[in-house]
């Protein structure tokens, strides 16, 4: 018989999501677990709104997504994206392996705290869908919607984000934020679907 670990079981049965645990990555770099939980919550709110058919579109709302899964924050993926950001290249170099969103802005243009910067990045990546609308519901065939599609692909299960706010010359520091998304269905038994989300 397999050993039972009560804490994960309790989290699975009663937790707000599969991700919100006391220790997600056990590191404070590039940010603490509270920021990771905020990232998960922002992504889940967007995905849940789509799953329920309540996300405004150019005309009406997007149809409900019956097979949209909750996301799991992946610490190994975070290490990969953080390593990329450490070089301050300003380029999405992980896009061959993952769906990748990347934002580079002057640090002075964003709110001072990390939480609001991360939320702003997610809003910016959702922006094209808000502005242009999604016309082909079953296929993201508009390149302008790439960042939105990465965040809401129904069967994406894992993601992670990186953050670096000191790229560039002194006084003109650039802020780099990047999230990567991966489809890894075979690694997880039974992810929770939003259509069954209570």
Protein backbone atom coordinates (compact mmCIF):
# COMPACT_ATOMS: atom_id res chain seq x y z
CA UNK A 1 0.00 0.00 0.00
CA UNK A 2 1.24 3.48 -0.85
CA UNK A 3 2.01 5.86 2.02
CA UNK A 4 -0.60 8.54 2.63
CA UNK A 5 0.53 12.08 3.30
CA UNK A 6 -2.36 13.85 5.09
CA UNK A 7 -1.25 17.44 4.46
CA UNK A 8 -1.36 17.24 0.62
CA UNK A 9 -4.61 15.27 0.86
CA UNK A 10 -6.19 17.98 3.00
CA UNK A 11 -4.97 20.65 0.60
CA UNK A 12 -6.43 18.74 -2.33
CA UNK A 13 -9.80 18.33 -0.65
CA UNK A 14 -10.21 21.69 1.02
CA UNK A 15 -7.71 24.09 -0.50
CA UNK A 16 -8.65 27.03 -2.72
CA UNK A 17 -6.61 25.51 -5.52
CA UNK A 18 -4.14 22.77 -6.22
CA UNK A 19 -1.33 25.29 -6.06
CA UNK A 20 -1.85 27.31 -2.93
CA UNK A 21 0.44 25.61 -0.44
CA UNK A 22 2.60 27.03 2.30
CA UNK A 23 5.83 26.26 0.42
CA UNK A 24 5.60 26.42 -3.35
CA UNK A 25 9.27 26.78 -4.26
CA UNK A 26 11.02 27.16 -0.90
CA UNK A 27 13.04 30.10 -2.14
CA UNK A 28 12.67 33.86 -1.92
CA UNK A 29 14.28 34.43 -5.34
CA UNK A 30 13.02 36.09 -7.50
CA UNK A 31 10.10 36.63 -5.09
CA UNK A 32 8.43 34.89 -2.18
CA UNK A 33 5.63 32.34 -2.23
CA UNK A 34 3.00 35.00 -1.56
CA UNK A 35 3.86 36.55 -4.94
CA UNK A 36 3.73 33.11 -6.55
CA UNK A 37 0.28 32.58 -5.05
CA UNK A 38 -0.80 35.96 -6.45
CA UNK A 39 0.43 34.90 -9.91
CA UNK A 40 -1.51 31.65 -9.65
CA UNK A 41 -4.62 33.47 -8.46
CA UNK A 42 -4.47 36.00 -11.31
CA UNK A 43 -4.09 33.22 -13.89
CA UNK A 44 -6.82 31.11 -12.28
CA UNK A 45 -9.28 34.01 -12.14
CA UNK A 46 -8.80 34.61 -15.86
CA UNK A 47 -9.09 30.91 -16.70
CA UNK A 48 -12.12 30.40 -14.45
CA UNK A 49 -13.89 33.39 -16.02
CA UNK A 50 -13.31 31.83 -19.45
CA UNK A 51 -14.37 28.36 -18.25
CA UNK A 52 -17.65 29.80 -17.01
CA UNK A 53 -18.26 31.70 -20.25
CA UNK A 54 -18.07 35.11 -18.58
CA UNK A 55 -15.03 36.73 -20.24
CA UNK A 56 -16.09 39.75 -22.31
CA UNK A 57 -15.14 39.54 -25.96
CA UNK A 58 -15.39 42.05 -28.80
CA UNK A 59 -19.01 40.96 -29.24
CA UNK A 60 -20.62 39.30 -26.24
CA UNK A 61 -18.55 36.86 -24.20
CA UNK A 62 -16.27 33.97 -25.01
CA UNK A 63 -18.07 30.62 -24.90
CA UNK A 64 -17.50 28.40 -21.84
CA UNK A 65 -14.44 26.14 -21.87
CA UNK A 66 -15.52 22.69 -20.71
CA UNK A 67 -12.04 21.20 -20.39
CA UNK A 68 -9.97 23.97 -18.85
CA UNK A 69 -7.61 22.82 -16.11
CA UNK A 70 -6.23 24.62 -13.10
CA UNK A 71 -2.56 25.53 -13.30
CA UNK A 72 0.27 24.16 -11.21
CA UNK A 73 3.21 26.43 -10.46
CA UNK A 74 6.40 24.63 -11.50
CA UNK A 75 9.57 25.57 -9.59
CA UNK A 76 11.92 23.91 -12.10
CA UNK A 77 10.36 25.97 -14.87
CA UNK A 78 10.83 29.06 -12.69
CA UNK A 79 14.55 28.26 -12.45
CA UNK A 80 14.73 28.06 -16.27
CA UNK A 81 12.98 31.36 -16.89
CA UNK A 82 14.90 33.10 -14.11
CA UNK A 83 18.19 31.90 -15.62
CA UNK A 84 17.10 33.40 -18.96
CA UNK A 85 16.19 36.73 -17.34
CA UNK A 86 19.53 36.90 -15.54
CA UNK A 87 21.17 37.64 -18.90
CA UNK A 88 18.96 40.72 -19.43
CA UNK A 89 18.68 39.86 -23.15
CA UNK A 90 15.13 41.15 -23.52
CA UNK A 91 14.34 38.23 -25.84
CA UNK A 92 12.08 35.23 -25.36
CA UNK A 93 14.61 32.43 -25.82
CA UNK A 94 12.50 29.64 -24.32
CA UNK A 95 9.69 29.85 -26.89
CA UNK A 96 10.88 26.70 -28.71
CA UNK A 97 10.17 24.65 -25.59
CA UNK A 98 7.31 26.57 -23.97
CA UNK A 99 4.66 29.12 -24.68
CA UNK A 100 6.40 32.27 -23.43
CA UNK A 101 5.21 35.75 -22.59
CA UNK A 102 7.86 38.43 -22.12
CA UNK A 103 7.58 42.02 -20.99
CA UNK A 104 10.38 44.61 -20.94
CA UNK A 105 9.57 48.13 -19.74
CA UNK A 106 11.48 50.94 -18.03
CA UNK A 107 11.23 50.28 -14.31
CA UNK A 108 10.07 53.85 -13.68
CA UNK A 109 6.91 53.23 -15.76
CA UNK A 110 5.58 50.55 -13.41
CA UNK A 111 4.28 50.70 -9.85
CA UNK A 112 7.04 50.25 -7.29
CA UNK A 113 5.91 46.99 -5.71
CA UNK A 114 6.48 43.58 -7.26
CA UNK A 115 2.86 42.40 -6.82
CA UNK A 116 1.42 45.22 -8.89
CA UNK A 117 4.12 44.80 -11.54
CA UNK A 118 3.26 41.11 -11.93
CA UNK A 119 -0.48 41.86 -12.11
CA UNK A 120 0.19 44.59 -14.69
CA UNK A 121 2.16 42.14 -16.85
CA UNK A 122 -0.77 39.70 -16.85
CA UNK A 123 -3.18 42.51 -17.75
CA UNK A 124 -0.88 43.62 -20.58
CA UNK A 125 -0.72 40.06 -21.94
CA UNK A 126 -4.51 39.80 -21.80
CA UNK A 127 -4.89 43.21 -23.44
CA UNK A 128 -4.88 42.09 -27.10
CA UNK A 129 -7.90 39.83 -26.49
CA UNK A 130 -9.71 42.69 -24.80
CA UNK A 131 -8.91 45.06 -27.67
CA UNK A 132 -9.14 42.82 -30.76
CA UNK A 133 -11.45 40.08 -29.51
CA UNK A 134 -11.22 36.38 -30.21
CA UNK A 135 -13.07 35.51 -33.41
CA UNK A 136 -12.12 31.85 -33.90
CA UNK A 137 -13.00 30.24 -30.57
CA UNK A 138 -11.45 26.85 -31.30
CA UNK A 139 -8.18 28.09 -32.80
CA UNK A 140 -6.01 31.03 -31.78
CA UNK A 141 -5.11 31.99 -35.35
CA UNK A 142 -4.50 35.70 -34.73
CA UNK A 143 -0.83 36.35 -33.89
CA UNK A 144 -1.83 39.43 -31.90
CA UNK A 145 -3.43 37.08 -29.34
CA UNK A 146 -0.29 35.01 -28.71
CA UNK A 147 0.26 36.22 -25.14
CA UNK A 148 -3.40 35.72 -24.26
CA UNK A 149 -3.44 32.24 -25.83
CA UNK A 150 -0.41 31.19 -23.77
CA UNK A 151 -2.20 32.04 -20.53
CA UNK A 152 -5.51 30.41 -21.35
CA UNK A 153 -4.75 27.33 -23.44
CA UNK A 154 -7.27 24.93 -21.91
CA UNK A 155 -4.93 21.98 -21.43
CA UNK A 156 -1.89 23.84 -20.16
CA UNK A 157 -1.15 22.45 -16.72
CA UNK A 158 2.13 23.99 -15.59
CA UNK A 159 3.57 27.48 -15.62
CA UNK A 160 6.17 29.63 -13.92
CA UNK A 161 7.26 33.24 -14.04
CA UNK A 162 10.55 35.08 -13.67
CA UNK A 163 11.29 38.65 -12.64
CA UNK A 164 14.34 40.93 -12.86
CA UNK A 165 14.17 44.66 -12.24
CA UNK A 166 17.77 45.81 -12.63
CA UNK A 167 18.63 45.35 -16.30
CA UNK A 168 20.05 48.30 -18.22
CA UNK A 169 22.16 51.31 -17.32
CA UNK A 170 22.02 53.04 -13.94
CA UNK A 171 19.07 55.43 -13.89
CA UNK A 172 17.44 53.73 -16.88
CA UNK A 173 16.84 50.30 -15.36
CA UNK A 174 14.62 47.96 -17.32
CA UNK A 175 12.12 45.61 -15.76
CA UNK A 176 11.92 42.11 -17.28
CA UNK A 177 8.98 39.80 -16.51
CA UNK A 178 8.42 36.51 -18.30
CA UNK A 179 6.04 33.60 -17.80
CA UNK A 180 6.36 30.22 -19.49
CA UNK A 181 3.56 27.70 -20.04
CA UNK A 182 3.82 24.00 -20.72
CA UNK A 183 1.41 21.23 -21.69
CA UNK A 184 2.32 18.19 -19.60
CA UNK A 185 -0.82 16.05 -19.36
CA UNK A 186 0.97 12.71 -18.93
CA UNK A 187 2.73 13.80 -15.72
CA UNK A 188 -0.38 14.44 -13.68
CA UNK A 189 -3.14 12.05 -12.85
CA UNK A 190 -6.19 14.10 -12.24
CA UNK A 191 -6.00 17.88 -12.49
CA UNK A 192 -9.06 19.74 -11.34
CA UNK A 193 -11.22 21.15 -14.13
CA UNK A 194 -12.86 24.51 -13.73
CA UNK A 195 -16.13 23.09 -15.03
CA UNK A 196 -16.17 21.04 -11.80
CA UNK A 197 -14.67 23.85 -9.74
CA UNK A 198 -16.64 24.73 -6.65
